[in-house]
Amino acid sequence: MAAYGNMDKGLPGGLIGLTETHQIDSRLAKGNIPYGAPVFGTGDGEQVTRTGSALLGVAGRTAKDTQEWKDGDSVNVVRTGKVWGVAGSALSADAEISVNASTGKFVEKTSAANGAARVVTITVANTSAANKVVNVLVGDKGVSLTTSDDVKSNTAVASALQALLAALDIPFTATVASGVVTLTAKDKGVASNSVAIVATTTDTTQTLTVAQTTAGSDQILNPGWFARSTAESQGDIVAVDLG
């Protein structure tokens, strides 16, 4: 435990006044995790992540650690006590704080919210002629389909598009039913709302209609943690009391 000592405000993830109140677990990182950031996961031995629903604690560090935790590293998760964190917004000293589980940041106290994953539908209507080109663009990635005698009905085109989209590296899961492709964001949060989704066809009879049925919203958690110093803005180092 001596390695946790002599930490200062310039080291996010450092323990504040190492005492018996500090509980520290060791977990494996799934993805990169910065020091001083909230971490998520459930069950002993489960990998911890940068965002999620089950809040575990804060990514800690020892005086010997020099970089953020990388995917597969053994992470020090501070569960109780005080630790230096990185603020996601301005925070007042001795005020209760919230954790934005969708961004993995400490923010001003606000009402808890379940959050929502963005849902977008692409409705394919009518039958296309053969040798027409259908394009779907999700952000900067897209798929292209040329219709044929076997793949030109609305249901066949929708099914073919779903298969192509499911194989694409995008932040959405693609499903299909009755000529409608549904894209559901893999994570809750507003970030996916900015991803443009466009569907077109060169056919004059078949149509592809894109509609957003659910907007993404951030999940907010209130674990009963307090800021014990003032953060003037996002990125400031702040003392976080985990109880």
C-alpha atoms as a PDB file:
ATOM      1  CA  MET A   1       0.000   0.000   0.000  1.00  0.00           C
ATOM      2  CA  ALA A   2       2.988   2.312   0.393  1.00  0.00           C
ATOM      3  CA  ALA A   3       2.975   2.869  -3.368  1.00  0.00           C
ATOM      4  CA  TYR A   4      -0.338   4.691  -2.990  1.00  0.00           C
ATOM      5  CA  GLY A   5       1.194   7.290  -0.706  1.00  0.00           C
ATOM      6  CA  ASN A   6       2.643  10.710  -1.531  1.00  0.00           C
ATOM      7  CA  MET A   7       0.057  11.414  -4.213  1.00  0.00           C
ATOM      8  CA  ASP A   8      -0.895  15.017  -4.965  1.00  0.00           C
ATOM      9  CA  LYS A   9      -3.519  17.050  -6.814  1.00  0.00           C
ATOM     10  CA  GLY A  10      -1.567  16.806 -10.063  1.00  0.00           C
ATOM     11  CA  LEU A  11      -2.187  13.058 -10.294  1.00  0.00           C
ATOM     12  CA  PRO A  12      -5.765  12.048 -11.154  1.00  0.00           C
ATOM     13  CA  GLY A  13      -6.578   8.663  -9.651  1.00  0.00           C
ATOM     14  CA  GLY A  14      -4.347   9.241  -6.643  1.00  0.00           C
ATOM     15  CA  LEU A  15      -5.716   8.465  -3.207  1.00  0.00           C
ATOM     16  CA  ILE A  16      -6.269  11.341  -0.808  1.00  0.00           C
ATOM     17  CA  GLY A  17      -4.986  10.662   2.695  1.00  0.00           C
ATOM     18  CA  LEU A  18      -4.541   6.888   2.432  1.00  0.00           C
ATOM     19  CA  THR A  19      -6.581   5.428   5.285  1.00  0.00           C
ATOM     20  CA  GLU A  20      -8.412   2.277   6.267  1.00  0.00           C
ATOM     21  CA  THR A  21     -11.538   3.780   4.681  1.00  0.00           C
ATOM     22  CA  HIS A  22     -10.104   3.087   1.233  1.00  0.00           C
ATOM     23  CA  GLN A  23     -11.286  -0.100  -0.427  1.00  0.00           C
ATOM     24  CA  ILE A  24      -9.419  -0.964  -3.632  1.00  0.00           C
ATOM     25  CA  ASP A  25     -10.319  -3.809  -5.988  1.00  0.00           C
ATOM     26  CA  SER A  26      -8.335  -5.149  -8.925  1.00  0.00           C
ATOM     27  CA  ARG A  27     -10.182  -5.694 -12.208  1.00  0.00           C
ATOM     28  CA  LEU A  28      -9.206  -6.086 -15.850  1.00  0.00           C
ATOM     29  CA  ALA A  29      -9.798  -3.168 -18.203  1.00  0.00           C
ATOM     30  CA  LYS A  30     -12.059  -3.563 -21.213  1.00  0.00           C
ATOM     31  CA  GLY A  31     -10.876  -0.729 -23.396  1.00  0.00           C
ATOM     32  CA  ASN A  32      -8.685   2.154 -22.267  1.00  0.00           C
ATOM     33  CA  ILE A  33      -9.588   3.748 -18.923  1.00  0.00           C
ATOM     34  CA  PRO A  34      -8.107   7.092 -17.800  1.00  0.00           C
ATOM     35  CA  TYR A  35      -6.943   7.594 -14.220  1.00  0.00           C
ATOM     36  CA  GLY A  36      -9.484   9.389 -12.067  1.00  0.00           C
ATOM     37  CA  ALA A  37     -12.481   8.385 -14.212  1.00  0.00           C
ATOM     38  CA  PRO A  38     -15.593   6.503 -13.040  1.00  0.00           C
ATOM     39  CA  VAL A  39     -15.529   2.821 -13.971  1.00  0.00           C
ATOM     40  CA  PHE A  40     -18.368   0.372 -14.450  1.00  0.00           C
ATOM     41  CA  GLY A  41     -18.914  -3.373 -14.101  1.00  0.00           C
ATOM     42  CA  THR A  42     -20.662  -5.995 -12.000  1.00  0.00           C
ATOM     43  CA  GLY A  43     -19.514  -9.121 -10.202  1.00  0.00           C
ATOM     44  CA  ASP A  44     -16.087 -10.059  -8.948  1.00  0.00           C
ATOM     45  CA  GLY A  45     -13.642 -10.615 -11.758  1.00  0.00           C
ATOM     46  CA  GLU A  46     -15.744  -8.937 -14.467  1.00  0.00           C
ATOM     47  CA  GLN A  47     -13.898  -6.541 -16.740  1.00  0.00           C
ATOM     48  CA  VAL A  48     -14.475  -2.869 -16.039  1.00  0.00           C
ATOM     49  CA  THR A  49     -15.442  -0.352 -18.693  1.00  0.00           C
ATOM     50  CA  ARG A  50     -15.347   3.397 -19.241  1.00  0.00           C
ATOM     51  CA  THR A  51     -19.140   3.710 -19.429  1.00  0.00           C
ATOM     52  CA  GLY A  52     -22.065   1.524 -18.389  1.00  0.00           C
ATOM     53  CA  SER A  53     -24.908   1.164 -15.915  1.00  0.00           C
ATOM     54  CA  ALA A  54     -23.343  -0.543 -12.882  1.00  0.00           C
ATOM     55  CA  LEU A  55     -21.039   2.010 -11.245  1.00  0.00           C
ATOM     56  CA  LEU A  56     -18.154   0.431  -9.317  1.00  0.00           C
ATOM     57  CA  GLY A  57     -15.837   3.257  -8.356  1.00  0.00           C
ATOM     58  CA  VAL A  58     -12.989   5.371  -9.721  1.00  0.00           C
ATOM     59  CA  ALA A  59      -9.909   4.246 -11.641  1.00  0.00           C
ATOM     60  CA  GLY A  60      -7.036   4.693  -9.187  1.00  0.00           C
ATOM     61  CA  ARG A  61      -3.290   4.638  -9.576  1.00  0.00           C
ATOM     62  CA  THR A  62      -0.112   4.292  -7.567  1.00  0.00           C
ATOM     63  CA  ALA A  63       2.840   6.652  -7.574  1.00  0.00           C
ATOM     64  CA  LYS A  64       4.568   4.289 -10.008  1.00  0.00           C
ATOM     65  CA  ASP A  65       1.867   4.366 -12.692  1.00  0.00           C
ATOM     66  CA  THR A  66       2.560   6.728 -15.580  1.00  0.00           C
ATOM     67  CA  GLN A  67      -0.200   6.280 -18.167  1.00  0.00           C
ATOM     68  CA  GLU A  68      -3.876   5.434 -18.403  1.00  0.00           C
ATOM     69  CA  TRP A  69      -4.974   1.820 -18.041  1.00  0.00           C
ATOM     70  CA  LYS A  70      -4.927   0.012 -21.384  1.00  0.00           C
ATOM     71  CA  ASP A  71      -7.252  -2.732 -22.613  1.00  0.00           C
ATOM     72  CA  GLY A  72      -6.482  -5.892 -20.648  1.00  0.00           C
ATOM     73  CA  ASP A  73      -4.500  -4.143 -17.896  1.00  0.00           C
ATOM     74  CA  SER A  74      -5.178  -4.853 -14.241  1.00  0.00           C
ATOM     75  CA  VAL A  75      -7.047  -1.757 -13.009  1.00  0.00           C
ATOM     76  CA  ASN A  76      -7.013  -0.416  -9.450  1.00  0.00           C
ATOM     77  CA  VAL A  77     -10.674   0.407  -8.729  1.00  0.00           C
ATOM     78  CA  VAL A  78     -11.139   2.697  -5.732  1.00  0.00           C
ATOM     79  CA  ARG A  79     -14.487   1.754  -4.188  1.00  0.00           C
ATOM     80  CA  THR A  80     -14.544   3.889  -1.012  1.00  0.00           C
ATOM     81  CA  GLY A  81     -12.580   6.796   0.468  1.00  0.00           C
ATOM     82  CA  LYS A  82     -11.333   9.931  -1.248  1.00  0.00           C
ATOM     83  CA  VAL A  83      -9.597  10.033  -4.620  1.00  0.00           C
ATOM     84  CA  TRP A  84      -8.571  12.677  -7.153  1.00  0.00           C
ATOM     85  CA  GLY A  85     -10.921  12.603 -10.138  1.00  0.00           C
ATOM     86  CA  VAL A  86     -11.295  14.507 -13.398  1.00  0.00           C
ATOM     87  CA  ALA A  87     -14.342  16.774 -13.529  1.00  0.00           C
ATOM     88  CA  GLY A  88     -16.718  16.597 -16.469  1.00  0.00           C
ATOM     89  CA  SER A  89     -18.168  20.024 -15.639  1.00  0.00           C
ATOM     90  CA  ALA A  90     -17.821  22.804 -13.080  1.00  0.00           C
ATOM     91  CA  LEU A  91     -18.311  21.385  -9.568  1.00  0.00           C
ATOM     92  CA  SER A  92     -18.728  23.056  -6.184  1.00  0.00           C
ATOM     93  CA  ALA A  93     -16.842  21.932  -3.098  1.00  0.00           C
ATOM     94  CA  ASP A  94     -18.856  19.822  -0.622  1.00  0.00           C
ATOM     95  CA  ALA A  95     -21.731  19.459  -3.106  1.00  0.00           C
ATOM     96  CA  GLU A  96     -23.177  16.094  -4.091  1.00  0.00           C
ATOM     97  CA  ILE A  97     -22.314  15.127  -7.652  1.00  0.00           C
ATOM     98  CA  SER A  98     -23.782  12.870 -10.324  1.00  0.00           C
ATOM     99  CA  VAL A  99     -22.079  10.535 -12.759  1.00  0.00           C
ATOM    100  CA  ASN A 100     -23.033  10.680 -16.419  1.00  0.00           C
ATOM    101  CA  ALA A 101     -22.891   6.957 -17.173  1.00  0.00           C
ATOM    102  CA  SER A 102     -23.082   7.541 -20.928  1.00  0.00           C
ATOM    103  CA  THR A 103     -19.957   9.713 -21.012  1.00  0.00           C
ATOM    104  CA  GLY A 104     -18.244   8.384 -17.877  1.00  0.00           C
ATOM    105  CA  LYS A 105     -17.862  11.832 -16.307  1.00  0.00           C
ATOM    106  CA  PHE A 106     -18.462  13.529 -12.958  1.00  0.00           C
ATOM    107  CA  VAL A 107     -21.085  16.267 -13.397  1.00  0.00           C
ATOM    108  CA  GLU A 108     -23.200  18.601 -11.295  1.00  0.00           C
ATOM    109  CA  LYS A 109     -25.929  16.886  -9.270  1.00  0.00           C
ATOM    110  CA  THR A 110     -29.054  16.364 -11.335  1.00  0.00           C
ATOM    111  CA  SER A 111     -32.000  14.014 -11.329  1.00  0.00           C
ATOM    112  CA  ALA A 112     -31.252  10.380 -11.982  1.00  0.00           C
ATOM    113  CA  ALA A 113     -32.252   9.200 -15.461  1.00  0.00           C
ATOM    114  CA  ASN A 114     -32.337   5.791 -17.101  1.00  0.00           C
ATOM    115  CA  GLY A 115     -31.199   7.179 -20.428  1.00  0.00           C
ATOM    116  CA  ALA A 116     -32.139   5.796 -23.821  1.00  0.00           C
ATOM    117  CA  ALA A 117     -30.476   4.323 -26.879  1.00  0.00           C
ATOM    118  CA  ARG A 118     -31.253   6.056 -30.156  1.00  0.00           C
ATOM    119  CA  VAL A 119     -33.500   4.072 -32.514  1.00  0.00           C
ATOM    120  CA  VAL A 120     -33.782   4.786 -36.238  1.00  0.00           C
ATOM    121  CA  THR A 121     -35.914   2.886 -38.763  1.00  0.00           C
ATOM    122  CA  ILE A 122     -35.446   2.532 -42.507  1.00  0.00           C
ATOM    123  CA  THR A 123     -38.757   1.544 -44.091  1.00  0.00           C
ATOM    124  CA  VAL A 124     -38.513  -0.003 -47.546  1.00  0.00           C
ATOM    125  CA  ALA A 125     -41.747   0.266 -49.542  1.00  0.00           C
ATOM    126  CA  ASN A 126     -42.786  -1.130 -52.925  1.00  0.00           C
ATOM    127  CA  THR A 127     -40.873  -3.339 -55.336  1.00  0.00           C
ATOM    128  CA  SER A 128     -37.789  -2.159 -57.179  1.00  0.00           C
ATOM    129  CA  ALA A 129     -36.762  -2.945 -60.720  1.00  0.00           C
ATOM    130  CA  ALA A 130     -33.643  -5.068 -61.084  1.00  0.00           C
ATOM    131  CA  ASN A 131     -30.185  -3.483 -61.414  1.00  0.00           C
ATOM    132  CA  LYS A 132     -31.005  -0.479 -59.253  1.00  0.00           C
ATOM    133  CA  VAL A 133     -28.576   0.734 -56.579  1.00  0.00           C
ATOM    134  CA  VAL A 134     -29.569   1.121 -52.933  1.00  0.00           C
ATOM    135  CA  ASN A 135     -27.211   2.993 -50.592  1.00  0.00           C
ATOM    136  CA  VAL A 136     -27.330   3.422 -46.835  1.00  0.00           C
ATOM    137  CA  LEU A 137     -24.877   5.726 -45.087  1.00  0.00           C
ATOM    138  CA  VAL A 138     -24.390   5.635 -41.307  1.00  0.00           C
ATOM    139  CA  GLY A 139     -22.057   8.439 -40.353  1.00  0.00           C
ATOM    140  CA  ASP A 140     -19.009   8.051 -42.576  1.00  0.00           C
ATOM    141  CA  LYS A 141     -19.590   4.364 -43.294  1.00  0.00           C
ATOM    142  CA  GLY A 142     -21.981   2.896 -45.798  1.00  0.00           C
ATOM    143  CA  VAL A 143     -23.260  -0.114 -47.652  1.00  0.00           C
ATOM    144  CA  SER A 144     -24.402  -0.509 -51.249  1.00  0.00           C
ATOM    145  CA  LEU A 145     -26.775  -3.050 -52.763  1.00  0.00           C
ATOM    146  CA  THR A 146     -27.679  -3.703 -56.401  1.00  0.00           C
ATOM    147  CA  THR A 147     -31.153  -5.132 -56.784  1.00  0.00           C
ATOM    148  CA  SER A 148     -31.763  -8.286 -58.810  1.00  0.00           C
ATOM    149  CA  ASP A 149     -34.644 -10.499 -59.863  1.00  0.00           C
ATOM    150  CA  ASP A 150     -34.261 -12.306 -56.515  1.00  0.00           C
ATOM    151  CA  VAL A 151     -33.658  -9.227 -54.381  1.00  0.00           C
ATOM    152  CA  LYS A 152     -36.030  -6.447 -55.348  1.00  0.00           C
ATOM    153  CA  SER A 153     -39.153  -6.742 -53.186  1.00  0.00           C
ATOM    154  CA  ASN A 154     -39.290  -4.442 -50.168  1.00  0.00           C
ATOM    155  CA  THR A 155     -38.777  -7.330 -47.740  1.00  0.00           C
ATOM    156  CA  ALA A 156     -35.897  -8.825 -49.705  1.00  0.00           C
ATOM    157  CA  VAL A 157     -34.126  -5.480 -50.021  1.00  0.00           C
ATOM    158  CA  ALA A 158     -34.626  -4.742 -46.326  1.00  0.00           C
ATOM    159  CA  SER A 159     -33.247  -8.148 -45.341  1.00  0.00           C
ATOM    160  CA  ALA A 160     -30.219  -7.715 -47.592  1.00  0.00           C
ATOM    161  CA  LEU A 161     -29.538  -4.261 -46.167  1.00  0.00           C
ATOM    162  CA  GLN A 162     -29.778  -5.571 -42.624  1.00  0.00           C
ATOM    163  CA  ALA A 163     -27.202  -8.262 -43.326  1.00  0.00           C
ATOM    164  CA  LEU A 164     -24.812  -5.699 -44.784  1.00  0.00           C
ATOM    165  CA  LEU A 165     -25.326  -3.231 -41.940  1.00  0.00           C
ATOM    166  CA  ALA A 166     -24.891  -5.934 -39.308  1.00  0.00           C
ATOM    167  CA  ALA A 167     -21.433  -6.646 -40.721  1.00  0.00           C
ATOM    168  CA  LEU A 168     -20.471  -2.966 -40.729  1.00  0.00           C
ATOM    169  CA  ASP A 169     -18.423  -1.431 -37.903  1.00  0.00           C
ATOM    170  CA  ILE A 170     -20.983   1.118 -36.742  1.00  0.00           C
ATOM    171  CA  PRO A 171     -22.294   2.097 -33.268  1.00  0.00           C
ATOM    172  CA  PHE A 172     -25.690   0.536 -34.033  1.00  0.00           C
ATOM    173  CA  THR A 173     -27.216  -2.931 -34.024  1.00  0.00           C
ATOM    174  CA  ALA A 174     -29.249  -3.730 -37.143  1.00  0.00           C
ATOM    175  CA  THR A 175     -32.408  -5.870 -37.137  1.00  0.00           C
ATOM    176  CA  VAL A 176     -35.167  -6.373 -39.715  1.00  0.00           C
ATOM    177  CA  ALA A 177     -38.858  -7.242 -39.794  1.00  0.00           C
ATOM    178  CA  SER A 178     -41.559  -6.828 -42.454  1.00  0.00           C
ATOM    179  CA  GLY A 179     -39.518  -4.576 -44.724  1.00  0.00           C
ATOM    180  CA  VAL A 180     -38.282  -2.330 -41.915  1.00  0.00           C
ATOM    181  CA  VAL A 181     -34.624  -2.156 -40.886  1.00  0.00           C
ATOM    182  CA  THR A 182     -34.189  -0.969 -37.303  1.00  0.00           C
ATOM    183  CA  LEU A 183     -30.909   0.554 -36.148  1.00  0.00           C
ATOM    184  CA  THR A 184     -30.522   0.663 -32.355  1.00  0.00           C
ATOM    185  CA  ALA A 185     -27.549   2.431 -30.815  1.00  0.00           C
ATOM    186  CA  LYS A 186     -25.276   0.030 -28.955  1.00  0.00           C
ATOM    187  CA  ASP A 187     -24.939   2.509 -26.080  1.00  0.00           C
ATOM    188  CA  LYS A 188     -27.329   4.870 -24.374  1.00  0.00           C
ATOM    189  CA  GLY A 189     -26.591   8.556 -24.749  1.00  0.00           C
ATOM    190  CA  VAL A 190     -26.932  11.668 -26.848  1.00  0.00           C
ATOM    191  CA  ALA A 191     -23.689  11.016 -28.738  1.00  0.00           C
ATOM    192  CA  SER A 192     -25.406   8.776 -31.294  1.00  0.00           C
ATOM    193  CA  ASN A 193     -27.955  11.501 -32.133  1.00  0.00           C
ATOM    194  CA  SER A 194     -25.351  13.321 -34.201  1.00  0.00           C
ATOM    195  CA  VAL A 195     -24.709  10.329 -36.487  1.00  0.00           C
ATOM    196  CA  ALA A 196     -26.354  11.069 -39.834  1.00  0.00           C
ATOM    197  CA  ILE A 197     -28.259   8.142 -41.374  1.00  0.00           C
ATOM    198  CA  VAL A 198     -29.216   8.407 -45.062  1.00  0.00           C
ATOM    199  CA  ALA A 199     -30.849   5.842 -47.365  1.00  0.00           C
ATOM    200  CA  THR A 200     -31.326   6.248 -51.128  1.00  0.00           C
ATOM    201  CA  THR A 201     -32.231   4.229 -54.197  1.00  0.00           C
ATOM    202  CA  THR A 202     -31.929   4.861 -57.909  1.00  0.00           C
ATOM    203  CA  ASP A 203     -35.311   3.209 -58.471  1.00  0.00           C
ATOM    204  CA  THR A 204     -38.305   5.488 -59.045  1.00  0.00           C
ATOM    205  CA  THR A 205     -40.916   3.188 -57.485  1.00  0.00           C
ATOM    206  CA  GLN A 206     -39.284   1.769 -54.390  1.00  0.00           C
ATOM    207  CA  THR A 207     -38.815   4.202 -51.502  1.00  0.00           C
ATOM    208  CA  LEU A 208     -36.627   4.167 -48.398  1.00  0.00           C
ATOM    209  CA  THR A 209     -37.860   6.326 -45.542  1.00  0.00           C
ATOM    210  CA  VAL A 210     -35.590   7.088 -42.584  1.00  0.00           C
ATOM    211  CA  ALA A 211     -37.258   7.997 -39.290  1.00  0.00           C
ATOM    212  CA  GLN A 212     -35.936   8.439 -35.766  1.00  0.00           C
ATOM    213  CA  THR A 213     -38.333   6.752 -33.353  1.00  0.00           C
ATOM    214  CA  THR A 214     -36.295   7.304 -30.185  1.00  0.00           C
ATOM    215  CA  ALA A 215     -33.682   9.963 -29.481  1.00  0.00           C
ATOM    216  CA  GLY A 216     -30.650   8.964 -27.461  1.00  0.00           C
ATOM    217  CA  SER A 217     -30.378  10.391 -23.954  1.00  0.00           C
ATOM    218  CA  ASP A 218     -27.700  10.099 -21.295  1.00  0.00           C
ATOM    219  CA  GLN A 219     -28.014   7.876 -18.251  1.00  0.00           C
ATOM    220  CA  ILE A 220     -27.440   9.775 -15.003  1.00  0.00           C
ATOM    221  CA  LEU A 221     -26.491   8.021 -11.755  1.00  0.00           C
ATOM    222  CA  ASN A 222     -26.505   9.451  -8.227  1.00  0.00           C
ATOM    223  CA  PRO A 223     -24.219   7.246  -6.116  1.00  0.00           C
ATOM    224  CA  GLY A 224     -24.128   9.616  -3.137  1.00  0.00           C
ATOM    225  CA  TRP A 225     -20.617  10.886  -3.906  1.00  0.00           C
ATOM    226  CA  PHE A 226     -19.408  14.395  -3.062  1.00  0.00           C
ATOM    227  CA  ALA A 227     -16.901  16.828  -4.514  1.00  0.00           C
ATOM    228  CA  ARG A 228     -14.531  17.966  -1.749  1.00  0.00           C
ATOM    229  CA  SER A 229     -12.827  20.663  -3.803  1.00  0.00           C
ATOM    230  CA  THR A 230     -13.929  23.101  -6.493  1.00  0.00           C
ATOM    231  CA  ALA A 231     -13.612  22.419 -10.213  1.00  0.00           C
ATOM    232  CA  GLU A 232     -13.901  25.540 -12.336  1.00  0.00           C
ATOM    233  CA  SER A 233     -14.503  23.660 -15.576  1.00  0.00           C
ATOM    234  CA  GLN A 234     -14.357  20.321 -17.369  1.00  0.00           C
ATOM    235  CA  GLY A 235     -10.958  18.684 -17.100  1.00  0.00           C
ATOM    236  CA  ASP A 236     -10.062  20.159 -13.717  1.00  0.00           C
ATOM    237  CA  ILE A 237      -8.776  17.814 -11.025  1.00  0.00           C
ATOM    238  CA  VAL A 238     -11.286  17.466  -8.197  1.00  0.00           C
ATOM    239  CA  ALA A 239     -11.339  15.654  -4.871  1.00  0.00           C
ATOM    240  CA  VAL A 240     -14.101  13.032  -4.940  1.00  0.00           C
ATOM    241  CA  ASP A 241     -15.444  11.516  -1.726  1.00  0.00           C
ATOM    242  CA  LEU A 242     -16.828   8.028  -2.400  1.00  0.00           C
ATOM    243  CA  GLY A 243     -18.001   7.578   1.193  1.00  0.00           C
END
